Amino acid sequence: MKTAALAALTLTLSTAAFAGPGFDCAKASSNVEKMICADQTLSDADSVVSDMYKEVLSTAGNPNHVKQEQRQWLTKVRNACKTPDCLAKAYDMQYNKLQRDRLAGSGAVNPNGSIGH
């Protein structure tokens, strides 16, 4: 059983319908992609993180930096996982980071996470 690493995504996942991960499972080639496709919770988490990434990217002042950070997360964090529990934690951490970036980009919070001027 997975840990509570996806706690930040629970409300989002429970209130939305998903079509699957942000990639085509028929073309899944790595062990990580296969783990994601085999687990509905991980598949949903991938979809949520993919959507959040696209939102942050569309409003970013420096989209190349956002792309670089996402690629680094994919290769160094997500793709380094060997277990579903590791993937759940990786998605939870990336969702939280992207959420902070989204809020900072909208002006709702400062880039350091504080509120106010």
N, C-alpha and C. Protein backbone atom coordinates (compact mmCIF):
# COMPACT_ATOMS: atom_id res chain seq x y z
N MET A 1 0.84 -1.19 0.00
CA MET A 1 0.00 0.00 0.00
C MET A 1 0.88 1.24 0.00
N LYS A 2 0.50 2.21 -0.79
CA LYS A 2 1.26 3.44 -0.89
C LYS A 2 1.10 4.25 0.38
N THR A 3 2.09 5.07 0.68
CA THR A 3 1.99 5.97 1.82
C THR A 3 1.04 7.10 1.48
N ALA A 4 0.91 8.01 2.36
CA ALA A 4 0.03 9.16 2.16
C ALA A 4 0.70 10.25 1.34
N ALA A 5 1.68 9.89 0.53
CA ALA A 5 2.43 10.88 -0.24
C ALA A 5 1.57 11.67 -1.20
N LEU A 6 0.46 11.12 -1.62
CA LEU A 6 -0.40 11.84 -2.55
C LEU A 6 -1.49 12.63 -1.84
N ALA A 7 -1.30 12.92 -0.58
CA ALA A 7 -2.32 13.63 0.20
C ALA A 7 -2.69 14.96 -0.43
N ALA A 8 -1.73 15.69 -0.95
CA ALA A 8 -2.03 16.99 -1.56
C ALA A 8 -2.88 16.86 -2.81
N LEU A 9 -2.85 15.69 -3.44
CA LEU A 9 -3.62 15.49 -4.66
C LEU A 9 -4.97 14.85 -4.40
N THR A 10 -5.22 14.38 -3.20
CA THR A 10 -6.42 13.60 -2.92
C THR A 10 -7.70 14.34 -3.28
N LEU A 11 -7.82 15.58 -2.84
CA LEU A 11 -9.03 16.33 -3.13
C LEU A 11 -9.18 16.54 -4.64
N THR A 12 -8.10 16.90 -5.30
CA THR A 12 -8.14 17.11 -6.74
C THR A 12 -8.54 15.83 -7.46
N LEU A 13 -7.94 14.73 -7.07
CA LEU A 13 -8.22 13.46 -7.73
C LEU A 13 -9.64 12.99 -7.48
N SER A 14 -10.18 13.30 -6.32
CA SER A 14 -11.51 12.80 -5.99
C SER A 14 -12.61 13.63 -6.64
N THR A 15 -12.29 14.82 -7.13
CA THR A 15 -13.33 15.67 -7.69
C THR A 15 -13.23 15.83 -9.21
N ALA A 16 -12.32 15.11 -9.85
CA ALA A 16 -12.15 15.25 -11.30
C ALA A 16 -12.08 13.88 -11.96
N ALA A 17 -12.44 13.84 -13.22
CA ALA A 17 -12.33 12.62 -14.01
C ALA A 17 -11.09 12.72 -14.89
N PHE A 18 -10.36 11.64 -15.02
CA PHE A 18 -9.11 11.66 -15.77
C PHE A 18 -9.14 10.64 -16.89
N ALA A 19 -8.42 10.97 -17.93
CA ALA A 19 -8.31 10.06 -19.07
C ALA A 19 -7.04 9.23 -18.97
N GLY A 20 -6.23 9.46 -17.98
CA GLY A 20 -4.98 8.72 -17.83
C GLY A 20 -3.82 9.68 -17.73
N PRO A 21 -2.63 9.14 -17.80
CA PRO A 21 -1.44 9.98 -17.62
C PRO A 21 -1.26 10.96 -18.77
N GLY A 22 -0.29 11.84 -18.61
CA GLY A 22 0.00 12.85 -19.62
C GLY A 22 0.80 12.31 -20.80
N PHE A 23 0.89 11.00 -20.92
CA PHE A 23 1.59 10.37 -22.05
C PHE A 23 0.78 9.15 -22.49
N ASP A 24 1.11 8.62 -23.63
CA ASP A 24 0.39 7.49 -24.22
C ASP A 24 0.91 6.17 -23.62
N CYS A 25 0.06 5.49 -22.86
CA CYS A 25 0.46 4.23 -22.23
C CYS A 25 0.80 3.15 -23.26
N ALA A 26 0.23 3.24 -24.44
CA ALA A 26 0.56 2.25 -25.48
C ALA A 26 2.02 2.37 -25.91
N LYS A 27 2.61 3.53 -25.66
CA LYS A 27 4.02 3.75 -26.02
C LYS A 27 4.94 3.73 -24.80
N ALA A 28 4.41 3.34 -23.65
CA ALA A 28 5.23 3.29 -22.43
C ALA A 28 6.38 2.32 -22.63
N SER A 29 7.59 2.81 -22.42
CA SER A 29 8.75 1.95 -22.64
C SER A 29 9.58 1.74 -21.39
N SER A 30 9.61 2.71 -20.49
CA SER A 30 10.43 2.56 -19.29
C SER A 30 9.64 1.87 -18.19
N ASN A 31 10.35 1.34 -17.21
CA ASN A 31 9.70 0.70 -16.07
C ASN A 31 8.82 1.70 -15.32
N VAL A 32 9.29 2.95 -15.23
CA VAL A 32 8.52 3.98 -14.53
C VAL A 32 7.21 4.24 -15.26
N GLU A 33 7.26 4.42 -16.57
CA GLU A 33 6.04 4.65 -17.34
C GLU A 33 5.08 3.46 -17.21
N LYS A 34 5.61 2.26 -17.21
CA LYS A 34 4.77 1.07 -17.06
C LYS A 34 4.13 1.01 -15.68
N MET A 35 4.88 1.40 -14.63
CA MET A 35 4.31 1.45 -13.29
C MET A 35 3.17 2.46 -13.23
N ILE A 36 3.37 3.61 -13.86
CA ILE A 36 2.34 4.66 -13.86
C ILE A 36 1.09 4.15 -14.56
N CYS A 37 1.26 3.53 -15.71
CA CYS A 37 0.11 3.04 -16.48
C CYS A 37 -0.63 1.90 -15.77
N ALA A 38 0.07 1.17 -14.94
CA ALA A 38 -0.53 0.03 -14.24
C ALA A 38 -1.26 0.42 -12.96
N ASP A 39 -1.14 1.67 -12.54
CA ASP A 39 -1.70 2.10 -11.27
C ASP A 39 -2.56 3.35 -11.50
N GLN A 40 -3.86 3.25 -11.27
CA GLN A 40 -4.77 4.36 -11.56
C GLN A 40 -4.43 5.61 -10.76
N THR A 41 -4.02 5.46 -9.50
CA THR A 41 -3.69 6.62 -8.69
C THR A 41 -2.47 7.34 -9.25
N LEU A 42 -1.45 6.57 -9.64
CA LEU A 42 -0.26 7.19 -10.23
C LEU A 42 -0.58 7.79 -11.59
N SER A 43 -1.43 7.13 -12.35
CA SER A 43 -1.85 7.65 -13.64
C SER A 43 -2.58 8.99 -13.47
N ASP A 44 -3.48 9.05 -12.50
CA ASP A 44 -4.19 10.29 -12.21
C ASP A 44 -3.22 11.38 -11.73
N ALA A 45 -2.27 11.00 -10.89
CA ALA A 45 -1.28 11.97 -10.40
C ALA A 45 -0.47 12.52 -11.56
N ASP A 46 -0.10 11.67 -12.50
CA ASP A 46 0.65 12.13 -13.67
C ASP A 46 -0.19 13.13 -14.45
N SER A 47 -1.46 12.87 -14.61
CA SER A 47 -2.35 13.77 -15.33
C SER A 47 -2.44 15.13 -14.64
N VAL A 48 -2.60 15.12 -13.32
CA VAL A 48 -2.71 16.36 -12.55
C VAL A 48 -1.42 17.17 -12.66
N VAL A 49 -0.28 16.51 -12.49
CA VAL A 49 1.00 17.21 -12.56
C VAL A 49 1.23 17.73 -13.98
N SER A 50 0.87 16.95 -14.97
CA SER A 50 1.01 17.39 -16.36
C SER A 50 0.17 18.64 -16.63
N ASP A 51 -1.06 18.64 -16.16
CA ASP A 51 -1.94 19.80 -16.35
C ASP A 51 -1.40 21.02 -15.60
N MET A 52 -0.92 20.82 -14.38
CA MET A 52 -0.38 21.93 -13.59
C MET A 52 0.87 22.50 -14.28
N TYR A 53 1.72 21.62 -14.79
CA TYR A 53 2.91 22.06 -15.52
C TYR A 53 2.51 22.92 -16.72
N LYS A 54 1.53 22.49 -17.49
CA LYS A 54 1.09 23.25 -18.65
C LYS A 54 0.56 24.62 -18.24
N GLU A 55 -0.15 24.67 -17.12
CA GLU A 55 -0.67 25.95 -16.64
C GLU A 55 0.47 26.88 -16.23
N VAL A 56 1.43 26.35 -15.47
CA VAL A 56 2.58 27.17 -15.05
C VAL A 56 3.37 27.63 -16.27
N LEU A 57 3.58 26.73 -17.21
CA LEU A 57 4.33 27.06 -18.42
C LEU A 57 3.65 28.18 -19.21
N SER A 58 2.32 28.14 -19.29
CA SER A 58 1.60 29.14 -20.09
C SER A 58 1.64 30.54 -19.49
N THR A 59 1.93 30.65 -18.20
CA THR A 59 1.95 31.96 -17.56
C THR A 59 3.35 32.37 -17.10
N ALA A 60 4.33 31.55 -17.41
CA ALA A 60 5.70 31.79 -16.91
C ALA A 60 6.36 32.98 -17.61
N GLY A 61 7.09 33.74 -16.82
CA GLY A 61 7.89 34.81 -17.39
C GLY A 61 9.08 34.25 -18.16
N ASN A 62 9.54 33.08 -17.73
CA ASN A 62 10.67 32.42 -18.39
C ASN A 62 10.30 30.96 -18.65
N PRO A 63 9.56 30.69 -19.73
CA PRO A 63 9.11 29.32 -19.99
C PRO A 63 10.24 28.33 -20.17
N ASN A 64 11.38 28.77 -20.69
CA ASN A 64 12.51 27.85 -20.85
C ASN A 64 13.01 27.33 -19.51
N HIS A 65 12.98 28.18 -18.50
CA HIS A 65 13.39 27.76 -17.15
C HIS A 65 12.41 26.72 -16.59
N VAL A 66 11.12 26.96 -16.82
CA VAL A 66 10.09 26.01 -16.35
C VAL A 66 10.28 24.66 -17.05
N LYS A 67 10.52 24.69 -18.35
CA LYS A 67 10.75 23.44 -19.11
C LYS A 67 11.98 22.71 -18.58
N GLN A 68 13.05 23.45 -18.33
CA GLN A 68 14.29 22.84 -17.83
C GLN A 68 14.06 22.19 -16.47
N GLU A 69 13.36 22.88 -15.58
CA GLU A 69 13.08 22.31 -14.25
C GLU A 69 12.23 21.04 -14.36
N GLN A 70 11.24 21.06 -15.25
CA GLN A 70 10.38 19.88 -15.42
C GLN A 70 11.18 18.71 -15.97
N ARG A 71 12.03 18.97 -16.96
CA ARG A 71 12.87 17.89 -17.52
C ARG A 71 13.80 17.31 -16.45
N GLN A 72 14.38 18.20 -15.62
CA GLN A 72 15.25 17.71 -14.55
C GLN A 72 14.48 16.86 -13.56
N TRP A 73 13.26 17.28 -13.21
CA TRP A 73 12.45 16.49 -12.29
C TRP A 73 12.13 15.13 -12.91
N LEU A 74 11.76 15.13 -14.20
CA LEU A 74 11.44 13.87 -14.86
C LEU A 74 12.62 12.91 -14.85
N THR A 75 13.80 13.39 -15.20
CA THR A 75 14.95 12.50 -15.33
C THR A 75 15.60 12.16 -14.00
N LYS A 76 15.72 13.12 -13.12
CA LYS A 76 16.48 12.91 -11.88
C LYS A 76 15.63 12.43 -10.71
N VAL A 77 14.34 12.71 -10.74
CA VAL A 77 13.49 12.33 -9.61
C VAL A 77 12.51 11.23 -10.03
N ARG A 78 11.57 11.59 -10.90
CA ARG A 78 10.54 10.61 -11.28
C ARG A 78 11.14 9.36 -11.90
N ASN A 79 11.98 9.49 -12.89
CA ASN A 79 12.51 8.33 -13.59
C ASN A 79 13.54 7.54 -12.78
N ALA A 80 13.96 8.08 -11.66
CA ALA A 80 14.88 7.36 -10.77
C ALA A 80 14.13 6.43 -9.82
N CYS A 81 12.81 6.56 -9.77
CA CYS A 81 12.02 5.73 -8.85
C CYS A 81 11.99 4.27 -9.29
N LYS A 82 11.99 3.41 -8.29
CA LYS A 82 11.92 1.97 -8.53
C LYS A 82 10.64 1.36 -7.97
N THR A 83 9.88 2.15 -7.18
CA THR A 83 8.66 1.63 -6.55
C THR A 83 7.50 2.61 -6.73
N PRO A 84 6.28 2.11 -6.64
CA PRO A 84 5.12 3.01 -6.69
C PRO A 84 5.14 4.04 -5.56
N ASP A 85 5.61 3.66 -4.38
CA ASP A 85 5.67 4.59 -3.26
C ASP A 85 6.60 5.76 -3.58
N CYS A 86 7.73 5.48 -4.18
CA CYS A 86 8.67 6.53 -4.59
C CYS A 86 8.00 7.46 -5.61
N LEU A 87 7.29 6.89 -6.57
CA LEU A 87 6.60 7.70 -7.57
C LEU A 87 5.53 8.58 -6.93
N ALA A 88 4.80 8.03 -5.98
CA ALA A 88 3.76 8.81 -5.30
C ALA A 88 4.39 10.02 -4.60
N LYS A 89 5.49 9.81 -3.94
CA LYS A 89 6.18 10.91 -3.26
C LYS A 89 6.71 11.93 -4.27
N ALA A 90 7.25 11.45 -5.37
CA ALA A 90 7.78 12.34 -6.40
C ALA A 90 6.67 13.22 -6.98
N TYR A 91 5.53 12.62 -7.27
CA TYR A 91 4.41 13.40 -7.80
C TYR A 91 3.89 14.40 -6.78
N ASP A 92 3.83 14.01 -5.54
CA ASP A 92 3.37 14.90 -4.48
C ASP A 92 4.29 16.12 -4.38
N MET A 93 5.59 15.88 -4.36
CA MET A 93 6.55 16.98 -4.27
C MET A 93 6.47 17.90 -5.49
N GLN A 94 6.36 17.34 -6.69
CA GLN A 94 6.31 18.15 -7.90
C GLN A 94 5.00 18.94 -7.97
N TYR A 95 3.91 18.33 -7.56
CA TYR A 95 2.63 19.05 -7.54
C TYR A 95 2.74 20.27 -6.62
N ASN A 96 3.30 20.06 -5.43
CA ASN A 96 3.44 21.17 -4.47
C ASN A 96 4.34 22.28 -5.03
N LYS A 97 5.42 21.90 -5.69
CA LYS A 97 6.33 22.89 -6.28
C LYS A 97 5.62 23.67 -7.38
N LEU A 98 4.95 22.96 -8.27
CA LEU A 98 4.25 23.64 -9.36
C LEU A 98 3.11 24.53 -8.83
N GLN A 99 2.45 24.09 -7.80
CA GLN A 99 1.39 24.90 -7.19
C GLN A 99 1.98 26.20 -6.64
N ARG A 100 3.13 26.12 -5.96
CA ARG A 100 3.79 27.34 -5.47
C ARG A 100 4.17 28.24 -6.64
N ASP A 101 4.72 27.65 -7.71
CA ASP A 101 5.09 28.43 -8.90
C ASP A 101 3.86 29.10 -9.52
N ARG A 102 2.75 28.37 -9.57
CA ARG A 102 1.52 28.92 -10.14
C ARG A 102 1.03 30.10 -9.32
N LEU A 103 1.02 29.95 -8.01
CA LEU A 103 0.56 31.02 -7.14
C LEU A 103 1.50 32.23 -7.20
N ALA A 104 2.79 31.98 -7.26
CA ALA A 104 3.75 33.08 -7.37
C ALA A 104 3.59 33.79 -8.71
N GLY A 105 3.36 33.03 -9.77
CA GLY A 105 3.18 33.61 -11.10
C GLY A 105 1.92 34.46 -11.20
N SER A 106 0.92 34.12 -10.41
CA SER A 106 -0.34 34.87 -10.44
C SER A 106 -0.29 36.08 -9.51
N GLY A 107 0.75 36.15 -8.69
CA GLY A 107 0.85 37.25 -7.73
C GLY A 107 0.14 36.96 -6.43
N ALA A 108 -0.45 35.77 -6.30
CA ALA A 108 -1.17 35.41 -5.07
C ALA A 108 -0.21 35.26 -3.89
N VAL A 109 0.99 34.87 -4.15
CA VAL A 109 2.03 34.77 -3.12
C VAL A 109 3.34 35.27 -3.73
N ASN A 110 4.26 35.60 -2.86
CA ASN A 110 5.59 36.00 -3.32
C ASN A 110 6.36 34.76 -3.76
N PRO A 111 7.39 34.93 -4.59
CA PRO A 111 8.17 33.76 -5.06
C PRO A 111 8.72 32.90 -3.91
N ASN A 112 8.97 33.50 -2.75
CA ASN A 112 9.48 32.72 -1.62
C ASN A 112 8.36 32.05 -0.82
N GLY A 113 7.11 32.23 -1.27
CA GLY A 113 5.98 31.59 -0.61
C GLY A 113 5.27 32.44 0.41
N SER A 114 5.82 33.60 0.74
CA SER A 114 5.18 34.49 1.71
C SER A 114 4.05 35.27 1.06
N ILE A 115 3.18 35.80 1.88
CA ILE A 115 2.04 36.58 1.39
C ILE A 115 2.27 38.03 1.79
N GLY A 116 1.96 38.94 0.91
CA GLY A 116 2.10 40.36 1.20
C GLY A 116 3.29 40.97 0.50
N HIS A 117 3.51 42.23 0.79
CA HIS A 117 4.58 42.97 0.10
C HIS A 117 5.86 42.95 0.85
